[in-house]
Amino acid sequence: MSDPIRIAADPARAVKDYLATVLPPLVDGVDPTVTLGVPGDWTPASAPHVGVFDDGGTARWPIYDAPRLRVTVWADGRTRARQIAGLCRGIVTVRSIPGVARISDPSSLLDARDDHNGGAMASFHVLAIARTIAV
């Protein structure tokens, strides 16, 4: 019998799903939305938005992948974006997230203005170790 084929897990989706469940009760005011990416119609008048992105990384194949995940928050102001991004960073670095073996190496928060929609943004990166899956 041949060895099983292994495929990469999806730690960005796992983090997105976890944040979508855990984050809203911790945020004052309107619940943020959480997706992979940012909706094309998002504006500063919308609810705050958290986008999770897989920016690639290294692998120890066939054992695990280790992508850098970027979490970006869009909000109507810098303070609000940084507050929500700080909560997200705290959640993903101290909680056990199903589908992710380990999260480490968080960056500091980086703020910016989105030229496309005018929203205030705050982002950070983490290293996400995710074991491969046998199929």
C-alpha atoms as a PDB file:
ATOM      1  CA  MET A   1       0.000   0.000   0.000  1.00  0.00           C
ATOM      2  CA  SER A   2       1.296   3.441  -0.857  1.00  0.00           C
ATOM      3  CA  ASP A   3       1.661   6.313   1.566  1.00  0.00           C
ATOM      4  CA  PRO A   4      -1.380   8.572   1.919  1.00  0.00           C
ATOM      5  CA  ILE A   5      -1.466  11.807  -0.010  1.00  0.00           C
ATOM      6  CA  ARG A   6      -1.159  14.824   2.265  1.00  0.00           C
ATOM      7  CA  ILE A   7      -2.692  18.227   1.670  1.00  0.00           C
ATOM      8  CA  ALA A   8      -2.247  21.568   3.368  1.00  0.00           C
ATOM      9  CA  ALA A   9      -4.624  22.617   6.118  1.00  0.00           C
ATOM     10  CA  ASP A  10      -6.233  26.069   6.004  1.00  0.00           C
ATOM     11  CA  PRO A  11      -5.188  27.947   9.142  1.00  0.00           C
ATOM     12  CA  ALA A  12      -6.529  31.261   7.782  1.00  0.00           C
ATOM     13  CA  ARG A  13     -10.039  29.783   7.600  1.00  0.00           C
ATOM     14  CA  ALA A  14      -9.641  28.259  11.078  1.00  0.00           C
ATOM     15  CA  VAL A  15      -8.611  31.627  12.556  1.00  0.00           C
ATOM     16  CA  LYS A  16     -11.421  33.410  10.685  1.00  0.00           C
ATOM     17  CA  ASP A  17     -14.024  30.931  11.956  1.00  0.00           C
ATOM     18  CA  TYR A  18     -12.713  31.220  15.519  1.00  0.00           C
ATOM     19  CA  LEU A  19     -12.639  35.024  15.515  1.00  0.00           C
ATOM     20  CA  ALA A  20     -16.160  35.155  14.031  1.00  0.00           C
ATOM     21  CA  THR A  21     -17.393  33.198  17.061  1.00  0.00           C
ATOM     22  CA  VAL A  22     -15.293  34.655  19.883  1.00  0.00           C
ATOM     23  CA  LEU A  23     -14.726  38.304  18.922  1.00  0.00           C
ATOM     24  CA  PRO A  24     -18.218  39.895  18.600  1.00  0.00           C
ATOM     25  CA  PRO A  25     -19.194  39.643  22.304  1.00  0.00           C
ATOM     26  CA  LEU A  26     -15.893  41.321  23.269  1.00  0.00           C
ATOM     27  CA  VAL A  27     -16.395  44.387  21.051  1.00  0.00           C
ATOM     28  CA  ASP A  28     -18.429  47.341  22.308  1.00  0.00           C
ATOM     29  CA  GLY A  29     -21.040  48.678  19.914  1.00  0.00           C
ATOM     30  CA  VAL A  30     -21.810  47.123  16.559  1.00  0.00           C
ATOM     31  CA  ASP A  31     -20.518  43.568  16.102  1.00  0.00           C
ATOM     32  CA  PRO A  32     -17.680  43.377  13.577  1.00  0.00           C
ATOM     33  CA  THR A  33     -17.948  41.123  10.565  1.00  0.00           C
ATOM     34  CA  VAL A  34     -15.166  38.573   9.972  1.00  0.00           C
ATOM     35  CA  THR A  35     -14.263  37.023   6.606  1.00  0.00           C
ATOM     36  CA  LEU A  36     -11.331  35.926   4.488  1.00  0.00           C
ATOM     37  CA  GLY A  37     -10.540  39.275   2.868  1.00  0.00           C
ATOM     38  CA  VAL A  38     -12.670  42.423   2.865  1.00  0.00           C
ATOM     39  CA  PRO A  39     -16.052  42.909   1.199  1.00  0.00           C
ATOM     40  CA  GLY A  40     -15.802  45.061  -1.930  1.00  0.00           C
ATOM     41  CA  ASP A  41     -18.663  47.257  -0.737  1.00  0.00           C
ATOM     42  CA  TRP A  42     -17.254  47.968   2.751  1.00  0.00           C
ATOM     43  CA  THR A  43     -17.244  51.663   3.753  1.00  0.00           C
ATOM     44  CA  PRO A  44     -16.429  53.480   7.018  1.00  0.00           C
ATOM     45  CA  ALA A  45     -20.214  53.699   7.591  1.00  0.00           C
ATOM     46  CA  SER A  46     -20.358  49.864   7.714  1.00  0.00           C
ATOM     47  CA  ALA A  47     -19.796  47.741  10.804  1.00  0.00           C
ATOM     48  CA  PRO A  48     -16.096  47.235  11.581  1.00  0.00           C
ATOM     49  CA  HIS A  49     -14.620  44.408   9.541  1.00  0.00           C
ATOM     50  CA  VAL A  50     -11.903  41.859  10.299  1.00  0.00           C
ATOM     51  CA  GLY A  51     -10.188  40.257   7.315  1.00  0.00           C
ATOM     52  CA  VAL A  52      -7.882  37.248   7.647  1.00  0.00           C
ATOM     53  CA  PHE A  53      -5.280  36.614   4.919  1.00  0.00           C
ATOM     54  CA  ASP A  54      -2.739  33.832   4.291  1.00  0.00           C
ATOM     55  CA  ASP A  55       0.465  35.548   3.176  1.00  0.00           C
ATOM     56  CA  GLY A  56       2.365  32.279   2.634  1.00  0.00           C
ATOM     57  CA  GLY A  57       5.415  31.041   4.429  1.00  0.00           C
ATOM     58  CA  THR A  58       7.532  27.975   4.945  1.00  0.00           C
ATOM     59  CA  ALA A  59       6.732  24.296   5.267  1.00  0.00           C
ATOM     60  CA  ARG A  60       8.241  21.164   6.704  1.00  0.00           C
ATOM     61  CA  TRP A  61       6.575  18.927   4.198  1.00  0.00           C
ATOM     62  CA  PRO A  62       4.821  16.575   4.667  1.00  0.00           C
ATOM     63  CA  ILE A  63       4.458  17.381   8.372  1.00  0.00           C
ATOM     64  CA  TYR A  64       3.220  20.980   8.491  1.00  0.00           C
ATOM     65  CA  ASP A  65       2.875  24.341   6.782  1.00  0.00           C
ATOM     66  CA  ALA A  66       3.856  27.556   8.549  1.00  0.00           C
ATOM     67  CA  PRO A  67       2.248  30.525   6.785  1.00  0.00           C
ATOM     68  CA  ARG A  68       2.228  34.099   8.053  1.00  0.00           C
ATOM     69  CA  LEU A  69      -1.369  35.106   8.671  1.00  0.00           C
ATOM     70  CA  ARG A  70      -2.290  38.769   8.397  1.00  0.00           C
ATOM     71  CA  VAL A  71      -5.286  40.038  10.317  1.00  0.00           C
ATOM     72  CA  THR A  72      -6.516  43.464   9.208  1.00  0.00           C
ATOM     73  CA  VAL A  73      -9.316  45.460  10.788  1.00  0.00           C
ATOM     74  CA  TRP A  74     -11.212  48.150   8.884  1.00  0.00           C
ATOM     75  CA  ALA A  75     -13.133  50.691  10.956  1.00  0.00           C
ATOM     76  CA  ASP A  76     -14.352  54.275  10.885  1.00  0.00           C
ATOM     77  CA  GLY A  77     -11.331  55.522  12.844  1.00  0.00           C
ATOM     78  CA  ARG A  78      -7.784  54.639  13.856  1.00  0.00           C
ATOM     79  CA  THR A  79      -8.568  54.140  17.557  1.00  0.00           C
ATOM     80  CA  ARG A  80     -11.453  51.756  16.850  1.00  0.00           C
ATOM     81  CA  ALA A  81      -9.425  49.765  14.297  1.00  0.00           C
ATOM     82  CA  ARG A  82      -6.497  49.426  16.736  1.00  0.00           C
ATOM     83  CA  GLN A  83      -8.776  48.396  19.629  1.00  0.00           C
ATOM     84  CA  ILE A  84     -10.354  45.599  17.611  1.00  0.00           C
ATOM     85  CA  ALA A  85      -7.014  44.511  16.094  1.00  0.00           C
ATOM     86  CA  GLY A  86      -5.528  44.393  19.598  1.00  0.00           C
ATOM     87  CA  LEU A  87      -8.376  42.154  20.753  1.00  0.00           C
ATOM     88  CA  CYS A  88      -7.854  39.888  17.729  1.00  0.00           C
ATOM     89  CA  ARG A  89      -4.120  39.633  18.409  1.00  0.00           C
ATOM     90  CA  GLY A  90      -4.791  38.804  22.045  1.00  0.00           C
ATOM     91  CA  ILE A  91      -7.325  36.131  21.124  1.00  0.00           C
ATOM     92  CA  VAL A  92      -5.239  34.346  18.502  1.00  0.00           C
ATOM     93  CA  THR A  93      -2.058  34.361  20.576  1.00  0.00           C
ATOM     94  CA  VAL A  94      -3.506  33.001  23.818  1.00  0.00           C
ATOM     95  CA  ARG A  95      -6.344  30.698  22.736  1.00  0.00           C
ATOM     96  CA  SER A  96      -6.181  27.212  21.276  1.00  0.00           C
ATOM     97  CA  ILE A  97      -7.775  27.389  17.819  1.00  0.00           C
ATOM     98  CA  PRO A  98      -9.112  24.165  16.281  1.00  0.00           C
ATOM     99  CA  GLY A  99      -7.212  23.385  13.075  1.00  0.00           C
ATOM    100  CA  VAL A 100      -4.080  25.286  14.108  1.00  0.00           C
ATOM    101  CA  ALA A 101      -1.313  23.501  15.987  1.00  0.00           C
ATOM    102  CA  ARG A 102       0.387  26.677  17.221  1.00  0.00           C
ATOM    103  CA  ILE A 103       0.392  30.435  16.721  1.00  0.00           C
ATOM    104  CA  SER A 104       3.480  32.466  17.573  1.00  0.00           C
ATOM    105  CA  ASP A 105       5.647  35.425  16.623  1.00  0.00           C
ATOM    106  CA  PRO A 106       3.018  38.210  16.594  1.00  0.00           C
ATOM    107  CA  SER A 107       3.984  41.530  15.065  1.00  0.00           C
ATOM    108  CA  SER A 108       3.168  44.928  16.465  1.00  0.00           C
ATOM    109  CA  LEU A 109       0.065  46.704  15.172  1.00  0.00           C
ATOM    110  CA  LEU A 110       0.461  48.692  11.974  1.00  0.00           C
ATOM    111  CA  ASP A 111      -2.121  51.320  11.095  1.00  0.00           C
ATOM    112  CA  ALA A 112      -2.885  52.815   7.705  1.00  0.00           C
ATOM    113  CA  ARG A 113      -5.670  54.350   5.617  1.00  0.00           C
ATOM    114  CA  ASP A 114      -7.277  52.275   2.856  1.00  0.00           C
ATOM    115  CA  ASP A 115      -7.057  54.269  -0.385  1.00  0.00           C
ATOM    116  CA  HIS A 116      -9.891  52.215  -1.907  1.00  0.00           C
ATOM    117  CA  ASN A 117     -12.622  52.713   0.697  1.00  0.00           C
ATOM    118  CA  GLY A 118     -11.264  55.422   3.030  1.00  0.00           C
ATOM    119  CA  GLY A 119     -11.380  53.182   6.094  1.00  0.00           C
ATOM    120  CA  ALA A 120      -8.880  53.237   8.917  1.00  0.00           C
ATOM    121  CA  MET A 121      -6.947  49.967   9.074  1.00  0.00           C
ATOM    122  CA  ALA A 122      -4.913  48.217  11.754  1.00  0.00           C
ATOM    123  CA  SER A 123      -3.051  44.998  10.961  1.00  0.00           C
ATOM    124  CA  PHE A 124      -0.742  42.427  12.500  1.00  0.00           C
ATOM    125  CA  HIS A 125       0.911  39.175  11.440  1.00  0.00           C
ATOM    126  CA  VAL A 126       1.335  35.859  13.256  1.00  0.00           C
ATOM    127  CA  LEU A 127       3.083  32.629  12.357  1.00  0.00           C
ATOM    128  CA  ALA A 128       0.535  29.790  12.168  1.00  0.00           C
ATOM    129  CA  ILE A 129       1.712  26.173  12.276  1.00  0.00           C
ATOM    130  CA  ALA A 130      -0.850  23.793  10.803  1.00  0.00           C
ATOM    131  CA  ARG A 131      -0.347  20.055  10.384  1.00  0.00           C
ATOM    132  CA  THR A 132      -0.993  18.596   6.961  1.00  0.00           C
ATOM    133  CA  ILE A 133      -4.024  16.379   6.427  1.00  0.00           C
ATOM    134  CA  ALA A 134      -3.943  12.832   5.035  1.00  0.00           C
ATOM    135  CA  VAL A 135      -6.499  12.127   2.315  1.00  0.00           C
END
